[in-house]
């Protein structure tokens, strides 16, 4: 549908269709009103919350270490429960509109 309405291009559609698990579902009652809003939501959806390449787990200490930059110059270490709490805070409540639409309006 987004391709047909020219809101995204074919390369992005092919990329999304190549994903084994998309990791998200679409809430159909919240709709973008403009092409700009649709692009913002699309960019938000395809960007992961974190990179698994920058995530490390120390089983002996029970700590998670995350490098915020590609070069490892900014790194943060935390208890695994704190890490789970921080990551799960990005999961919206059922029926909640994505924050990106709230910012646009």
N, C-alpha and C. Protein backbone atom coordinates (compact mmCIF):
# COMPACT_ATOMS: atom_id res chain seq x y z
N UNK A 1 0.82 -1.18 0.00
CA UNK A 1 0.00 0.00 0.00
C UNK A 1 0.88 1.26 0.00
N UNK A 2 1.91 1.30 0.85
CA UNK A 2 2.78 2.47 0.90
C UNK A 2 3.53 2.66 -0.42
N UNK A 3 3.91 1.56 -1.04
CA UNK A 3 4.58 1.64 -2.34
C UNK A 3 3.61 2.16 -3.40
N UNK A 4 2.40 1.63 -3.39
CA UNK A 4 1.39 2.04 -4.36
C UNK A 4 1.07 3.54 -4.24
N UNK A 5 1.07 4.04 -3.02
CA UNK A 5 0.80 5.47 -2.80
C UNK A 5 2.06 6.32 -2.89
N UNK A 6 3.17 5.67 -3.26
CA UNK A 6 4.47 6.35 -3.44
C UNK A 6 4.96 7.04 -2.16
N UNK A 7 4.68 6.40 -1.03
CA UNK A 7 5.16 6.91 0.25
C UNK A 7 6.52 6.33 0.62
N UNK A 8 6.86 5.16 0.05
CA UNK A 8 8.18 4.57 0.19
C UNK A 8 8.58 3.99 -1.15
N UNK A 9 9.88 3.74 -1.31
CA UNK A 9 10.39 3.21 -2.57
C UNK A 9 10.52 1.69 -2.57
N UNK A 10 10.71 1.13 -3.76
CA UNK A 10 10.82 -0.32 -3.93
C UNK A 10 12.00 -0.91 -3.16
N UNK A 11 13.18 -0.27 -3.12
CA UNK A 11 14.28 -0.86 -2.35
C UNK A 11 13.93 -1.08 -0.87
N UNK A 12 13.22 -0.12 -0.28
CA UNK A 12 12.83 -0.27 1.13
C UNK A 12 11.80 -1.39 1.29
N UNK A 13 10.85 -1.50 0.37
CA UNK A 13 9.86 -2.58 0.42
C UNK A 13 10.56 -3.93 0.34
N UNK A 14 11.52 -4.06 -0.55
CA UNK A 14 12.25 -5.32 -0.69
C UNK A 14 13.04 -5.63 0.57
N UNK A 15 13.61 -4.60 1.19
CA UNK A 15 14.36 -4.79 2.43
C UNK A 15 13.44 -5.30 3.54
N UNK A 16 12.27 -4.68 3.68
CA UNK A 16 11.32 -5.08 4.72
C UNK A 16 10.81 -6.50 4.47
N UNK A 17 10.49 -6.82 3.22
CA UNK A 17 9.99 -8.16 2.90
C UNK A 17 11.06 -9.24 3.12
N UNK A 18 12.33 -8.85 3.12
CA UNK A 18 13.41 -9.80 3.35
C UNK A 18 13.65 -10.12 4.81
N UNK A 19 13.02 -9.35 5.72
CA UNK A 19 13.19 -9.60 7.14
C UNK A 19 12.49 -10.88 7.53
N UNK A 20 13.15 -11.68 8.35
CA UNK A 20 12.54 -12.93 8.82
C UNK A 20 11.41 -12.63 9.81
N UNK A 21 11.69 -11.74 10.76
CA UNK A 21 10.69 -11.31 11.73
C UNK A 21 10.74 -9.79 11.77
N UNK A 22 9.65 -9.14 11.51
CA UNK A 22 9.65 -7.69 11.47
C UNK A 22 9.77 -7.06 12.85
N UNK A 23 9.26 -7.70 13.88
CA UNK A 23 9.40 -7.17 15.23
C UNK A 23 8.39 -6.10 15.60
N UNK A 24 7.42 -5.85 14.76
CA UNK A 24 6.40 -4.87 15.11
C UNK A 24 5.08 -5.21 14.43
N UNK A 25 4.03 -4.64 14.96
CA UNK A 25 2.72 -4.78 14.33
C UNK A 25 2.17 -3.38 14.11
N UNK A 26 1.19 -3.27 13.26
CA UNK A 26 0.65 -1.96 12.91
C UNK A 26 -0.70 -1.76 13.58
N UNK A 27 -0.85 -0.64 14.22
CA UNK A 27 -2.12 -0.26 14.85
C UNK A 27 -2.87 0.58 13.82
N UNK A 28 -3.95 0.06 13.27
CA UNK A 28 -4.60 0.68 12.11
C UNK A 28 -5.45 1.91 12.43
N UNK A 29 -5.70 2.21 13.69
CA UNK A 29 -6.54 3.36 14.00
C UNK A 29 -5.76 4.67 14.02
N UNK A 30 -4.44 4.60 14.03
CA UNK A 30 -3.61 5.80 13.98
C UNK A 30 -3.06 5.88 12.56
N UNK A 31 -3.40 6.95 11.87
CA UNK A 31 -3.00 7.08 10.47
C UNK A 31 -2.24 8.37 10.24
N UNK A 32 -1.22 8.29 9.41
CA UNK A 32 -0.49 9.48 9.00
C UNK A 32 -1.38 10.31 8.07
N UNK A 33 -1.37 11.60 8.26
CA UNK A 33 -2.22 12.48 7.46
C UNK A 33 -1.49 13.02 6.22
N UNK A 34 -0.15 13.05 6.28
CA UNK A 34 0.63 13.59 5.17
C UNK A 34 1.75 12.62 4.82
N UNK A 35 2.35 12.85 3.67
CA UNK A 35 3.49 12.04 3.25
C UNK A 35 4.64 12.20 4.23
N UNK A 36 4.83 13.40 4.73
CA UNK A 36 5.89 13.67 5.69
C UNK A 36 5.70 12.86 6.97
N UNK A 37 4.47 12.80 7.49
CA UNK A 37 4.19 12.00 8.67
C UNK A 37 4.44 10.52 8.40
N UNK A 38 4.03 10.04 7.23
CA UNK A 38 4.25 8.63 6.88
C UNK A 38 5.73 8.31 6.82
N UNK A 39 6.52 9.21 6.28
CA UNK A 39 7.97 9.00 6.21
C UNK A 39 8.59 8.96 7.60
N UNK A 40 8.14 9.83 8.49
CA UNK A 40 8.66 9.85 9.86
C UNK A 40 8.36 8.53 10.56
N UNK A 41 7.12 8.06 10.43
CA UNK A 41 6.74 6.79 11.06
C UNK A 41 7.53 5.63 10.46
N UNK A 42 7.68 5.62 9.14
CA UNK A 42 8.44 4.57 8.47
C UNK A 42 9.89 4.53 8.94
N UNK A 43 10.52 5.69 9.04
CA UNK A 43 11.91 5.75 9.51
C UNK A 43 12.01 5.29 10.96
N UNK A 44 11.00 5.64 11.76
CA UNK A 44 10.98 5.21 13.16
C UNK A 44 10.86 3.70 13.26
N UNK A 45 10.02 3.11 12.44
CA UNK A 45 9.77 1.67 12.50
C UNK A 45 10.99 0.85 12.08
N UNK A 46 11.69 1.30 11.04
CA UNK A 46 12.80 0.48 10.54
C UNK A 46 14.09 0.66 11.33
N UNK A 47 14.15 1.65 12.22
CA UNK A 47 15.36 1.86 13.01
C UNK A 47 15.26 1.07 14.31
N UNK A 48 16.20 0.18 14.56
CA UNK A 48 16.14 -0.60 15.80
C UNK A 48 16.47 0.26 17.03
N UNK A 49 15.98 -0.17 18.17
CA UNK A 49 16.23 0.54 19.41
C UNK A 49 17.72 0.49 19.77
N UNK A 50 18.37 -0.63 19.48
CA UNK A 50 19.79 -0.78 19.76
C UNK A 50 20.42 -1.74 18.76
N UNK A 51 21.74 -1.74 18.75
CA UNK A 51 22.49 -2.62 17.86
C UNK A 51 23.03 -3.81 18.65
N UNK A 52 22.73 -5.01 18.19
CA UNK A 52 23.22 -6.20 18.88
C UNK A 52 24.74 -6.32 18.79
N UNK A 53 25.34 -5.69 17.78
CA UNK A 53 26.80 -5.71 17.64
C UNK A 53 27.48 -4.91 18.74
N UNK A 54 26.75 -4.00 19.36
CA UNK A 54 27.31 -3.15 20.41
C UNK A 54 26.89 -3.59 21.81
N UNK A 55 26.21 -4.71 21.90
CA UNK A 55 25.66 -5.20 23.15
C UNK A 55 26.48 -6.39 23.64
N UNK A 56 26.89 -6.35 24.92
CA UNK A 56 27.70 -7.42 25.50
C UNK A 56 27.12 -7.79 26.86
N UNK A 57 27.15 -9.09 27.18
CA UNK A 57 26.62 -9.56 28.46
C UNK A 57 27.71 -10.29 29.21
N UNK A 58 27.96 -9.87 30.43
CA UNK A 58 28.93 -10.52 31.31
C UNK A 58 28.15 -11.43 32.25
N UNK A 59 28.15 -12.74 31.95
CA UNK A 59 27.37 -13.69 32.74
C UNK A 59 27.84 -13.79 34.19
N UNK A 60 29.13 -13.65 34.42
CA UNK A 60 29.64 -13.78 35.78
C UNK A 60 29.16 -12.64 36.68
N UNK A 61 29.09 -11.44 36.13
CA UNK A 61 28.66 -10.27 36.90
C UNK A 61 27.16 -9.98 36.76
N UNK A 62 26.53 -10.50 35.70
CA UNK A 62 25.12 -10.20 35.43
C UNK A 62 24.92 -8.80 34.91
N UNK A 63 25.97 -8.27 34.26
CA UNK A 63 25.91 -6.90 33.73
C UNK A 63 25.81 -6.89 32.22
N UNK A 64 25.13 -5.88 31.73
CA UNK A 64 25.03 -5.64 30.30
C UNK A 64 25.86 -4.40 30.01
N UNK A 65 26.65 -4.48 28.95
CA UNK A 65 27.47 -3.36 28.52
C UNK A 65 27.03 -2.97 27.12
N UNK A 66 26.83 -1.68 26.91
CA UNK A 66 26.40 -1.21 25.59
C UNK A 66 27.28 -0.06 25.14
N UNK A 67 27.79 -0.17 23.90
CA UNK A 67 28.58 0.90 23.30
C UNK A 67 27.64 1.80 22.52
N UNK A 68 27.56 3.07 22.91
CA UNK A 68 26.64 4.00 22.26
C UNK A 68 27.16 4.47 20.90
N UNK A 69 28.45 4.38 20.68
CA UNK A 69 29.00 4.80 19.40
C UNK A 69 29.71 3.62 18.74
N UNK A 70 29.88 3.71 17.44
CA UNK A 70 30.52 2.62 16.69
C UNK A 70 31.96 2.38 17.13
N UNK A 71 32.61 3.43 17.60
CA UNK A 71 34.04 3.32 17.95
C UNK A 71 34.25 2.98 19.42
N UNK A 72 33.16 2.80 20.16
CA UNK A 72 33.27 2.39 21.56
C UNK A 72 33.68 3.49 22.50
N UNK A 73 33.66 4.75 22.04
CA UNK A 73 34.10 5.85 22.89
C UNK A 73 33.09 6.15 24.01
N UNK A 74 31.83 5.84 23.79
CA UNK A 74 30.81 6.02 24.81
C UNK A 74 30.23 4.66 25.15
N UNK A 75 30.44 4.22 26.37
CA UNK A 75 30.01 2.89 26.78
C UNK A 75 29.29 3.00 28.12
N UNK A 76 28.30 2.17 28.30
CA UNK A 76 27.53 2.18 29.54
C UNK A 76 27.37 0.74 30.02
N UNK A 77 27.48 0.55 31.33
CA UNK A 77 27.32 -0.76 31.93
C UNK A 77 26.21 -0.69 32.97
N UNK A 78 25.36 -1.73 33.00
CA UNK A 78 24.25 -1.72 33.95
C UNK A 78 23.86 -3.15 34.29
N UNK A 79 23.13 -3.30 35.37
CA UNK A 79 22.57 -4.58 35.78
C UNK A 79 21.60 -5.05 34.70
N UNK A 80 21.52 -6.35 34.46
CA UNK A 80 20.66 -6.86 33.38
C UNK A 80 19.19 -6.52 33.59
N UNK A 81 18.73 -6.44 34.83
CA UNK A 81 17.33 -6.07 35.09
C UNK A 81 17.07 -4.60 34.72
N UNK A 82 18.04 -3.74 35.01
CA UNK A 82 17.92 -2.34 34.60
C UNK A 82 17.88 -2.23 33.08
N UNK A 83 18.70 -3.04 32.43
CA UNK A 83 18.72 -3.03 30.96
C UNK A 83 17.36 -3.45 30.39
N UNK A 84 16.79 -4.53 30.93
CA UNK A 84 15.48 -4.99 30.46
C UNK A 84 14.42 -3.91 30.69
N UNK A 85 14.47 -3.25 31.82
CA UNK A 85 13.50 -2.18 32.12
C UNK A 85 13.64 -1.03 31.13
N UNK A 86 14.86 -0.66 30.81
CA UNK A 86 15.08 0.45 29.88
C UNK A 86 14.62 0.10 28.47
N UNK A 87 14.90 -1.11 28.02
CA UNK A 87 14.51 -1.52 26.68
C UNK A 87 12.99 -1.66 26.59
N UNK A 88 12.39 -2.25 27.61
CA UNK A 88 10.94 -2.46 27.56
C UNK A 88 10.16 -1.14 27.63
N UNK A 89 10.80 -0.07 28.08
CA UNK A 89 10.12 1.22 28.12
C UNK A 89 9.84 1.74 26.71
N UNK A 90 10.48 1.18 25.70
CA UNK A 90 10.25 1.58 24.31
C UNK A 90 9.04 0.87 23.70
N UNK A 91 8.47 -0.09 24.38
CA UNK A 91 7.31 -0.81 23.87
C UNK A 91 6.06 -0.02 24.27
N UNK A 92 5.30 0.47 23.29
CA UNK A 92 4.13 1.28 23.63
C UNK A 92 3.02 0.43 24.25
N UNK A 93 2.19 1.07 25.05
CA UNK A 93 1.02 0.40 25.60
C UNK A 93 0.06 0.06 24.47
N UNK A 94 -0.78 -0.95 24.68
CA UNK A 94 -1.74 -1.36 23.66
C UNK A 94 -2.61 -0.17 23.25
N UNK A 95 -2.65 0.09 21.95
CA UNK A 95 -3.46 1.18 21.42
C UNK A 95 -2.83 2.54 21.49
N UNK A 96 -1.63 2.63 22.06
CA UNK A 96 -0.96 3.92 22.18
C UNK A 96 -0.38 4.33 20.84
N UNK A 97 -0.60 5.57 20.45
CA UNK A 97 -0.05 6.08 19.19
C UNK A 97 1.45 6.26 19.35
N UNK A 98 2.22 6.00 18.27
CA UNK A 98 3.66 6.22 18.33
C UNK A 98 3.96 7.68 18.67
N UNK A 99 4.99 7.91 19.45
CA UNK A 99 5.37 9.26 19.86
C UNK A 99 5.70 10.14 18.66
N UNK A 100 6.19 9.54 17.59
CA UNK A 100 6.58 10.35 16.43
C UNK A 100 5.39 11.08 15.83
N UNK A 101 4.20 10.49 15.87
CA UNK A 101 3.02 11.19 15.35
C UNK A 101 2.62 12.33 16.27
N UNK A 102 2.79 12.14 17.56
CA UNK A 102 2.44 13.18 18.50
C UNK A 102 3.33 14.41 18.30
N UNK A 103 4.58 14.19 17.97
CA UNK A 103 5.52 15.28 17.75
C UNK A 103 5.16 16.05 16.49
N UNK A 104 4.73 15.33 15.46
CA UNK A 104 4.43 15.95 14.17
C UNK A 104 3.21 16.85 14.26
N UNK A 105 2.19 16.42 15.00
CA UNK A 105 0.91 17.16 15.03
C UNK A 105 0.99 18.43 15.82
